[in-house]
Amino acid sequence: GFTQLFTGVITILGTLGFMLSVSVPIALVVVVLTPVSLFVAAFIAKRTYQMFRMQSETRGEQTALIEEMIGNQKVVQAFGQENEVGDRFDEINDRLSKYSLQGTFFSSITNPSTRFVNALVYAAVGVFGAFFAIQGGISVGQLSCFLSYANQYTKPFNEISGVVTELQNAIACAGRVLELIEETPEIPDSEDAIKLGKADGKVENVYFSYEPNQKLIEHFNLQVKPGQRVAIVGPTGCGKTTLINLLMRFYDVNSGAIKVSGKDIRKVTRESLRANYGMVLQETWLKQGTIRENIVMGRENATDDEVLAAAKASHAHSFIKRLPNGYDTVIGEDGGSLSAGQKQLLCITRVMLCLPPMLILDEATSSIDTRTEMRIQKAFATMMQGRTSFLVAHRLSTIQEADVILVMRDGKIVEQGNHEEL
């Protein structure tokens, strides 16, 4: 496209020079009338860009719907939403078809329209040149030569208009990419990272909310000693998981400070901070690959004996060895056919293999049966020794052995103490 533009400009300048050498008045007629084709192309291009932009947005909407509904197919079928989802897809698909058709139509008529305008310019040059020749201002041979030059002069305008039309779709798609690129990035890391051993944590007068007009955590203070086990309980929406997100620095506090080993975590690189946390969430995540690859994600240099020991400690070894290929069994994205409890056991195994200085367990045993949970609690107790731990849980069995239990409500600590005190 850029080669065509460059070649077109050279051709226009060359033929313009020749036409001026033959007849200045007729050359001015060509120069004045030819840009009309560019105005026509620009007029159509605006509508073309608008249609391609709507096409790009609608295609994204369609892709999002397909991915969302296929990924949650069981829920859709369980609630009998197949027809409703089908109707939504048809509506989006009809809009996409309309925008695609209109975009293709406008882009297709650009070149014929400019050709028609340039043909009128060619005819005007012929008529004006004929009258000029009758009056003796130009010879018939010069007129014939001039018409040939005029045809060569207008041809690049047709090619340029075609290139501009092709660019409309690319510009519309690029616009959506640039929207993402221009999003405000997260605050960059400071250059000084810290190495954490037995870590303590301190939360000083923290304020945080996801939306400015919706208050969540206010005037939050917390002191955690090294090796202490802290359980966090409270009703849904009180800020338990939000506190975990702040500790991991998935979000930065609006005001106040969270300190680890006496250092504000905003002055620590995210990678070095998170490398010192082991995290097991209620919502599990497993990648496509073998069981072993999922376990060693946080410690890729682990030996087979270490992987086996971690799996036995988390009581995952018993179900892994029953799989077709044991630890080399390939599972699909998000665990494939594994049960919710089995996936959670693998995530616990992953943390037990890493053994980081600090642990975060957010409903880590919510999908595990009571008997297995009792065994895992013993493994957790061994793993937590000497490590600062944060436990978010609702089960009494999970929190009763904690050193400190924090009871949260509306983003504040309303009670704290051990199990006997509370």
Protein backbone atom coordinates (compact mmCIF):
# COMPACT_ATOMS: atom_id res chain seq x y z
CA GLY A 1 0.00 0.00 0.00
CA PHE A 2 2.75 2.49 0.87
CA THR A 3 4.65 1.51 -2.29
CA GLN A 4 1.54 2.35 -4.33
CA LEU A 5 1.25 5.70 -2.57
CA PHE A 6 4.92 6.54 -3.24
CA THR A 7 4.71 5.45 -6.89
CA GLY A 8 1.47 7.39 -7.35
CA VAL A 9 2.99 10.61 -6.00
CA ILE A 10 6.01 10.29 -8.34
CA THR A 11 3.69 9.66 -11.32
CA ILE A 12 1.50 12.65 -10.47
CA LEU A 13 4.46 15.03 -10.19
CA GLY A 14 6.03 13.76 -13.42
CA THR A 15 2.89 13.99 -15.56
CA LEU A 16 2.02 17.38 -14.04
CA GLY A 17 5.37 18.73 -15.22
CA PHE A 18 4.78 17.47 -18.74
CA MET A 19 1.25 18.94 -18.86
CA LEU A 20 2.48 22.34 -17.70
CA SER A 21 5.08 22.31 -20.46
CA VAL A 22 2.38 21.68 -23.09
CA SER A 23 -0.42 23.98 -21.90
CA VAL A 24 -0.73 25.78 -18.59
CA PRO A 25 -4.49 26.62 -18.83
CA ILE A 26 -5.54 23.04 -19.58
CA ALA A 27 -3.15 21.73 -16.94
CA LEU A 28 -4.85 23.98 -14.38
CA VAL A 29 -8.23 22.50 -15.36
CA VAL A 30 -6.87 19.00 -14.63
CA VAL A 31 -5.26 20.08 -11.35
CA VAL A 32 -8.43 21.83 -10.11
CA LEU A 33 -10.90 19.06 -11.04
CA THR A 34 -8.92 15.91 -10.15
CA PRO A 35 -8.92 16.40 -6.32
CA VAL A 36 -12.73 16.13 -6.46
CA SER A 37 -12.19 12.36 -6.59
CA LEU A 38 -10.33 12.54 -3.27
CA PHE A 39 -13.24 14.38 -1.63
CA VAL A 40 -15.59 11.67 -2.92
CA ALA A 41 -13.25 8.95 -1.57
CA ALA A 42 -12.98 10.71 1.81
CA PHE A 43 -16.77 11.01 2.06
CA ILE A 44 -17.22 7.30 1.42
CA ALA A 45 -14.22 6.37 3.61
CA LYS A 46 -15.83 7.95 6.69
CA ARG A 47 -18.85 5.70 6.32
CA THR A 48 -16.61 2.74 5.55
CA TYR A 49 -14.59 3.28 8.72
CA GLN A 50 -17.74 3.59 10.81
CA MET A 51 -19.10 0.30 9.47
CA PHE A 52 -15.78 -1.53 9.93
CA ARG A 53 -15.53 -0.16 13.49
CA MET A 54 -19.01 -1.44 14.30
CA GLN A 55 -18.10 -4.74 12.63
CA SER A 56 -15.00 -5.07 14.81
CA GLU A 57 -16.90 -4.27 18.03
CA THR A 58 -19.72 -6.67 17.16
CA ARG A 59 -17.25 -9.44 16.30
CA GLY A 60 -15.67 -8.96 19.73
CA GLU A 61 -19.12 -9.12 21.34
CA GLN A 62 -19.88 -12.33 19.45
CA THR A 63 -16.57 -13.94 20.41
CA ALA A 64 -17.10 -13.03 24.07
CA LEU A 65 -20.58 -14.61 24.05
CA ILE A 66 -19.33 -17.81 22.40
CA GLU A 67 -16.42 -18.19 24.82
CA GLU A 68 -18.55 -17.43 27.86
CA MET A 69 -21.38 -19.82 26.97
CA ILE A 70 -19.20 -22.72 25.82
CA GLY A 71 -17.00 -22.38 28.90
CA ASN A 72 -20.13 -22.57 31.10
CA GLN A 73 -22.13 -24.98 28.97
CA LYS A 74 -23.28 -27.11 31.90
CA VAL A 75 -24.79 -24.11 33.71
CA VAL A 76 -26.54 -22.95 30.53
CA GLN A 77 -28.04 -26.40 30.00
CA ALA A 78 -28.92 -26.87 33.68
CA PHE A 79 -31.02 -23.69 33.67
CA GLY A 80 -32.55 -24.34 30.23
CA GLN A 81 -31.04 -21.25 28.61
CA GLU A 82 -30.11 -22.85 25.27
CA ASN A 83 -32.85 -21.07 23.30
CA GLU A 84 -32.23 -17.69 24.96
CA VAL A 85 -28.49 -17.95 24.30
CA GLY A 86 -29.21 -19.01 20.72
CA ASP A 87 -31.45 -15.97 20.25
CA ARG A 88 -28.73 -13.67 21.64
CA PHE A 89 -26.20 -15.19 19.26
CA ASP A 90 -28.57 -14.78 16.29
CA GLU A 91 -29.18 -11.12 17.17
CA ILE A 92 -25.46 -10.38 17.43
CA ASN A 93 -24.75 -12.38 14.28
CA ASP A 94 -27.43 -10.45 12.35
CA ARG A 95 -25.85 -7.14 13.42
CA LEU A 96 -22.41 -8.41 12.43
CA SER A 97 -23.76 -9.49 9.04
CA LYS A 98 -25.36 -6.06 8.50
CA TYR A 99 -22.22 -4.12 9.41
CA SER A 100 -20.01 -6.42 7.34
CA LEU A 101 -22.27 -6.07 4.31
CA GLN A 102 -22.45 -2.27 4.58
CA GLY A 103 -18.70 -1.99 5.16
CA THR A 104 -17.97 -4.16 2.13
CA PHE A 105 -20.47 -2.18 0.04
CA PHE A 106 -18.99 1.22 0.87
CA SER A 107 -15.44 -0.02 0.40
CA SER A 108 -16.40 -1.51 -2.97
CA ILE A 109 -17.94 1.66 -4.41
CA THR A 110 -14.99 3.92 -3.54
CA ASN A 111 -12.86 2.98 -6.54
CA PRO A 112 -15.69 3.06 -9.10
CA SER A 113 -16.78 6.47 -7.78
CA THR A 114 -13.29 7.97 -8.13
CA ARG A 115 -12.94 6.42 -11.57
CA PHE A 116 -16.23 8.05 -12.61
CA VAL A 117 -15.07 11.47 -11.36
CA ASN A 118 -11.73 11.09 -13.14
CA ALA A 119 -13.55 10.07 -16.33
CA LEU A 120 -15.48 13.35 -16.09
CA VAL A 121 -12.16 15.16 -15.71
CA TYR A 122 -10.87 13.41 -18.84
CA ALA A 123 -14.02 14.46 -20.73
CA ALA A 124 -13.72 18.06 -19.48
CA VAL A 125 -10.10 18.19 -20.65
CA GLY A 126 -11.17 16.89 -24.08
CA VAL A 127 -13.95 19.46 -24.46
CA PHE A 128 -11.90 22.37 -23.13
CA GLY A 129 -8.88 21.32 -25.19
CA ALA A 130 -10.99 21.04 -28.36
CA PHE A 131 -12.21 24.63 -28.02
CA PHE A 132 -8.67 25.73 -27.22
CA ALA A 133 -7.38 23.93 -30.38
CA ILE A 134 -10.08 25.53 -32.60
CA GLN A 135 -8.90 28.93 -31.44
CA GLY A 136 -5.32 27.94 -32.33
CA GLY A 137 -4.04 27.79 -28.73
CA ILE A 138 -2.91 24.18 -29.09
CA SER A 139 -2.39 21.70 -31.90
CA VAL A 140 -4.40 18.48 -32.34
CA GLY A 141 -1.25 16.45 -31.68
CA GLN A 142 -0.57 18.34 -28.47
CA LEU A 143 -4.19 17.79 -27.41
CA SER A 144 -3.88 14.05 -28.06
CA CYS A 145 -0.65 14.01 -26.04
CA PHE A 146 -2.30 16.07 -23.30
CA LEU A 147 -5.22 13.62 -23.01
CA SER A 148 -2.75 10.79 -22.57
CA TYR A 149 -0.95 12.74 -19.83
CA ALA A 150 -4.28 13.57 -18.14
CA ASN A 151 -5.19 9.89 -18.10
CA GLN A 152 -1.84 9.01 -16.49
CA TYR A 153 -2.23 11.89 -14.02
CA THR A 154 -5.66 10.72 -12.76
CA LYS A 155 -4.81 7.01 -12.61
CA PRO A 156 -2.77 7.26 -9.35
CA PHE A 157 -5.73 8.98 -7.66
CA ASN A 158 -7.78 5.84 -8.33
CA GLU A 159 -5.04 3.65 -6.86
CA ILE A 160 -4.60 5.91 -3.82
CA SER A 161 -8.33 5.88 -3.10
CA GLY A 162 -8.29 2.08 -3.27
CA VAL A 163 -5.43 1.93 -0.77
CA VAL A 164 -7.21 4.34 1.59
CA THR A 165 -10.29 2.12 1.50
CA GLU A 166 -8.25 -0.96 2.35
CA LEU A 167 -6.76 0.88 5.30
CA GLN A 168 -10.18 1.60 6.85
CA ASN A 169 -10.66 -1.97 8.10
CA ALA A 170 -7.11 -2.10 9.46
CA ILE A 171 -7.52 1.27 11.23
CA ALA A 172 -10.84 0.20 12.77
CA CYS A 173 -9.28 -3.03 14.15
CA ALA A 174 -6.15 -1.21 15.28
CA GLY A 175 -8.31 1.27 17.18
CA ARG A 176 -9.56 -1.49 19.51
CA VAL A 177 -6.00 -2.70 20.09
CA LEU A 178 -4.84 0.85 20.85
CA GLU A 179 -7.64 1.26 23.41
CA LEU A 180 -6.11 -1.61 25.36
CA ILE A 181 -2.55 -0.33 24.91
CA GLU A 182 -3.54 3.15 26.09
CA GLU A 183 -5.16 1.86 29.29
CA THR A 184 -3.53 3.25 32.43
CA PRO A 185 -0.81 0.74 33.41
CA GLU A 186 -0.25 -0.43 36.95
CA ILE A 187 2.26 1.52 38.97
CA PRO A 188 5.73 0.28 37.97
CA ASP A 189 7.86 -1.56 40.49
CA SER A 190 10.51 0.22 42.48
CA GLU A 191 14.04 -0.92 41.74
CA ASP A 192 14.87 -2.17 45.25
CA ALA A 193 13.63 -5.69 45.93
CA ILE A 194 13.87 -7.41 49.30
CA LYS A 195 14.55 -10.99 50.35
CA LEU A 196 12.13 -12.29 52.93
CA GLY A 197 12.84 -14.97 55.50
CA LYS A 198 10.51 -15.37 58.44
CA ALA A 199 8.26 -12.48 57.61
CA ASP A 200 5.93 -10.42 59.70
CA GLY A 201 3.20 -8.20 58.39
CA LYS A 202 1.74 -4.89 59.43
CA VAL A 203 -1.29 -3.05 58.09
CA GLU A 204 -1.37 0.62 59.04
CA ASN A 205 -4.55 2.69 58.72
CA VAL A 206 -5.45 1.29 55.31
CA TYR A 207 -8.27 2.66 53.18
CA PHE A 208 -9.31 0.92 49.96
CA SER A 209 -12.32 0.68 47.67
CA TYR A 210 -12.78 -0.63 44.15
CA GLU A 211 -15.12 2.23 43.29
CA PRO A 212 -14.61 5.74 44.74
CA ASN A 213 -18.26 6.09 45.74
CA GLN A 214 -18.51 2.63 47.36
CA LYS A 215 -16.58 2.41 50.63
CA LEU A 216 -15.12 -0.97 51.54
CA ILE A 217 -12.05 -1.02 53.83
CA GLU A 218 -11.58 1.96 56.12
CA HIS A 219 -9.18 2.65 59.00
CA PHE A 220 -7.89 -0.93 58.93
CA ASN A 221 -4.98 -1.77 61.28
CA LEU A 222 -3.35 -5.13 61.83
CA GLN A 223 -0.08 -6.39 63.37
CA VAL A 224 1.06 -9.94 62.51
CA LYS A 225 4.08 -11.52 64.15
CA PRO A 226 6.50 -13.83 62.29
CA GLY A 227 5.23 -17.40 62.20
CA GLN A 228 1.76 -16.42 63.39
CA ARG A 229 -1.35 -18.08 61.98
CA VAL A 230 -4.08 -15.51 61.34
CA ALA A 231 -7.61 -16.62 60.46
CA ILE A 232 -9.97 -14.11 58.82
CA VAL A 233 -13.71 -14.68 59.12
CA GLY A 234 -16.80 -12.64 58.47
CA PRO A 235 -19.92 -12.40 56.31
CA THR A 236 -19.79 -12.35 52.53
CA GLY A 237 -18.63 -8.99 51.18
CA CYS A 238 -16.94 -7.83 54.37
CA GLY A 239 -13.52 -7.50 52.67
CA LYS A 240 -11.75 -10.81 53.47
CA THR A 241 -10.62 -11.60 49.91
CA THR A 242 -9.96 -7.91 49.27
CA LEU A 243 -7.48 -7.93 52.15
CA ILE A 244 -5.72 -10.91 50.54
CA ASN A 245 -5.58 -9.04 47.22
CA LEU A 246 -3.97 -6.10 48.99
CA LEU A 247 -1.42 -8.33 50.73
CA MET A 248 -0.45 -9.84 47.37
CA ARG A 249 -0.45 -6.35 45.83
CA PHE A 250 -2.94 -7.24 43.14
CA TYR A 251 -4.29 -3.79 44.09
CA ASP A 252 -2.56 -0.87 45.80
CA VAL A 253 -4.14 0.77 48.85
CA ASN A 254 -5.77 4.17 48.44
CA SER A 255 -4.08 5.41 51.62
CA GLY A 256 -2.15 3.96 54.53
CA ALA A 257 0.48 1.25 54.12
CA ILE A 258 0.97 -2.52 54.19
CA LYS A 259 4.41 -3.51 55.42
CA VAL A 260 6.27 -6.80 55.23
CA SER A 261 9.42 -7.15 57.33
CA GLY A 262 9.16 -3.42 58.04
CA LYS A 263 9.16 -2.44 54.35
CA ASP A 264 6.23 -0.88 52.48
CA ILE A 265 5.23 -3.42 49.82
CA ARG A 266 4.86 -0.59 47.30
CA LYS A 267 8.64 -0.21 47.53
CA VAL A 268 9.16 -3.89 46.77
CA THR A 269 9.00 -5.45 43.31
CA ARG A 270 5.84 -7.46 42.81
CA GLU A 271 7.78 -10.51 41.69
CA SER A 272 9.97 -10.64 44.82
CA LEU A 273 6.93 -10.01 47.06
CA ARG A 274 4.76 -12.71 45.49
CA ALA A 275 7.64 -15.19 45.37
CA ASN A 276 7.48 -15.21 49.18
CA TYR A 277 3.77 -16.07 49.27
CA GLY A 278 2.18 -19.46 48.75
CA MET A 279 -1.45 -19.12 47.77
CA VAL A 280 -4.33 -21.61 47.56
CA LEU A 281 -7.69 -20.21 46.52
CA GLN A 282 -11.19 -21.60 46.58
CA GLU A 283 -11.23 -21.07 42.81
CA THR A 284 -8.62 -23.49 41.50
CA TRP A 285 -6.55 -23.02 38.36
CA LEU A 286 -4.75 -25.74 36.45
CA LYS A 287 -3.09 -25.42 33.06
CA GLN A 288 -3.22 -27.89 30.20
CA GLY A 289 -0.40 -30.39 30.68
CA THR A 290 0.62 -33.27 32.90
CA ILE A 291 -0.13 -33.60 36.60
CA ARG A 292 3.60 -33.17 37.34
CA GLU A 293 3.82 -29.96 35.26
CA ASN A 294 0.94 -28.45 37.26
CA ILE A 295 2.54 -29.36 40.59
CA VAL A 296 6.02 -27.99 39.80
CA MET A 297 4.71 -24.70 38.41
CA GLY A 298 6.09 -22.73 41.34
CA ARG A 299 9.33 -24.74 41.59
CA GLU A 300 10.35 -26.16 38.26
CA ASN A 301 13.65 -27.64 39.51
CA ALA A 302 11.92 -29.94 42.00
CA THR A 303 12.90 -33.63 41.90
CA ASP A 304 10.46 -36.49 41.46
CA ASP A 305 10.97 -37.50 45.10
CA GLU A 306 10.07 -33.99 46.27
CA VAL A 307 6.95 -33.97 44.09
CA LEU A 308 5.95 -37.38 45.46
CA ALA A 309 6.50 -36.24 49.06
CA ALA A 310 4.39 -33.09 48.53
CA ALA A 311 1.59 -35.12 46.92
CA LYS A 312 1.57 -37.59 49.82
CA ALA A 313 1.48 -34.72 52.33
CA SER A 314 -1.56 -33.22 50.61
CA HIS A 315 -3.20 -36.67 50.20
CA ALA A 316 -3.30 -36.17 46.43
CA HIS A 317 -1.00 -39.14 45.74
CA SER A 318 -3.80 -41.67 46.29
CA PHE A 319 -5.95 -40.38 43.40
CA ILE A 320 -2.99 -39.47 41.15
CA LYS A 321 -1.64 -43.03 41.15
CA ARG A 322 -5.09 -44.27 40.04
CA LEU A 323 -4.99 -42.08 36.93
CA PRO A 324 -4.10 -43.83 33.62
CA ASN A 325 -0.52 -42.52 33.53
CA GLY A 326 -0.08 -41.39 37.12
CA TYR A 327 1.90 -38.15 37.37
CA ASP A 328 2.34 -38.12 33.59
CA THR A 329 -1.41 -38.06 32.96
CA VAL A 330 -2.31 -35.13 30.70
CA ILE A 331 -5.23 -33.01 31.90
CA GLY A 332 -7.12 -30.36 29.97
CA GLU A 333 -7.42 -26.67 30.72
CA ASP A 334 -8.78 -26.00 34.23
CA GLY A 335 -8.33 -29.62 35.26
CA GLY A 336 -10.37 -31.36 32.58
CA SER A 337 -12.30 -34.29 34.07
CA LEU A 338 -10.88 -33.98 37.60
CA SER A 339 -13.35 -33.29 40.39
CA ALA A 340 -13.38 -29.98 42.25
CA GLY A 341 -11.81 -31.62 45.30
CA GLN A 342 -9.05 -33.28 43.25
CA LYS A 343 -8.19 -29.98 41.58
CA GLN A 344 -8.00 -28.30 44.98
CA LEU A 345 -5.69 -31.06 46.24
CA LEU A 346 -3.34 -30.43 43.32
CA CYS A 347 -3.24 -26.72 44.15
CA ILE A 348 -2.44 -27.57 47.77
CA THR A 349 0.31 -29.93 46.55
CA ARG A 350 1.76 -27.10 44.48
CA VAL A 351 2.11 -24.90 47.59
CA MET A 352 3.46 -27.71 49.73
CA LEU A 353 6.22 -28.23 47.16
CA CYS A 354 7.21 -24.54 47.20
CA LEU A 355 7.13 -24.00 50.99
CA PRO A 356 7.34 -20.18 50.83
CA PRO A 357 7.89 -17.97 53.92
CA MET A 358 4.24 -16.82 53.96
CA LEU A 359 1.03 -18.68 53.19
CA ILE A 360 -2.41 -17.51 52.09
CA LEU A 361 -5.22 -20.06 52.21
CA ASP A 362 -8.52 -18.68 50.93
CA GLU A 363 -11.13 -21.39 51.50
CA ALA A 364 -8.39 -23.86 50.48
CA THR A 365 -10.35 -26.95 51.63
CA SER A 366 -13.88 -25.86 50.69
CA SER A 367 -14.33 -28.62 48.07
CA ILE A 368 -12.67 -31.42 50.06
CA ASP A 369 -14.50 -34.02 52.12
CA THR A 370 -14.31 -33.77 55.90
CA ARG A 371 -12.13 -36.86 56.38
CA THR A 372 -9.50 -35.73 53.88
CA GLU A 373 -9.68 -32.20 55.28
CA MET A 374 -8.77 -33.45 58.76
CA ARG A 375 -5.67 -35.12 57.32
CA ILE A 376 -4.73 -32.04 55.29
CA GLN A 377 -5.11 -29.84 58.37
CA LYS A 378 -2.36 -31.88 60.01
CA ALA A 379 -0.16 -31.36 56.95
CA PHE A 380 -1.00 -27.66 57.01
CA ALA A 381 -0.09 -27.46 60.69
CA THR A 382 3.35 -28.91 59.90
CA MET A 383 3.77 -26.66 56.88
CA MET A 384 2.75 -23.52 58.80
CA GLN A 385 5.32 -23.95 61.53
CA GLY A 386 7.63 -20.94 61.38
CA ARG A 387 5.64 -19.41 58.54
CA THR A 388 3.33 -16.42 58.66
CA SER A 389 -0.08 -17.64 57.49
CA PHE A 390 -3.37 -16.02 56.55
CA LEU A 391 -6.44 -18.24 56.44
CA VAL A 392 -9.80 -17.19 55.05
CA ALA A 393 -12.40 -19.76 55.99
CA HIS A 394 -15.94 -20.41 57.18
CA ARG A 395 -15.47 -23.91 58.61
CA LEU A 396 -14.76 -23.94 62.34
CA SER A 397 -12.37 -26.87 61.90
CA THR A 398 -10.17 -24.75 59.67
CA ILE A 399 -9.79 -21.77 61.99
CA GLN A 400 -9.92 -23.10 65.53
CA GLU A 401 -6.17 -23.83 65.65
CA ALA A 402 -5.25 -20.30 64.47
CA ASP A 403 -3.20 -18.09 66.78
CA VAL A 404 -5.40 -15.07 66.04
CA ILE A 405 -8.90 -14.97 64.60
CA LEU A 406 -9.99 -11.70 63.01
CA VAL A 407 -13.74 -11.13 62.73
CA MET A 408 -14.43 -8.63 59.95
CA ARG A 409 -17.56 -6.69 59.14
CA ASP A 410 -17.95 -3.84 56.64
CA GLY A 411 -14.21 -3.61 56.04
CA LYS A 412 -13.29 -3.32 59.73
CA ILE A 413 -12.05 -5.70 62.42
CA VAL A 414 -14.87 -5.92 64.98
CA GLU A 415 -13.33 -8.69 67.14
CA GLN A 416 -10.03 -10.52 67.41
CA GLY A 417 -8.62 -13.24 69.62
CA ASN A 418 -8.08 -17.02 69.64
CA HIS A 419 -10.81 -19.64 69.43
CA GLU A 420 -11.29 -19.95 73.21
CA GLU A 421 -11.46 -16.19 73.74
CA LEU A 422 -14.05 -15.65 71.04
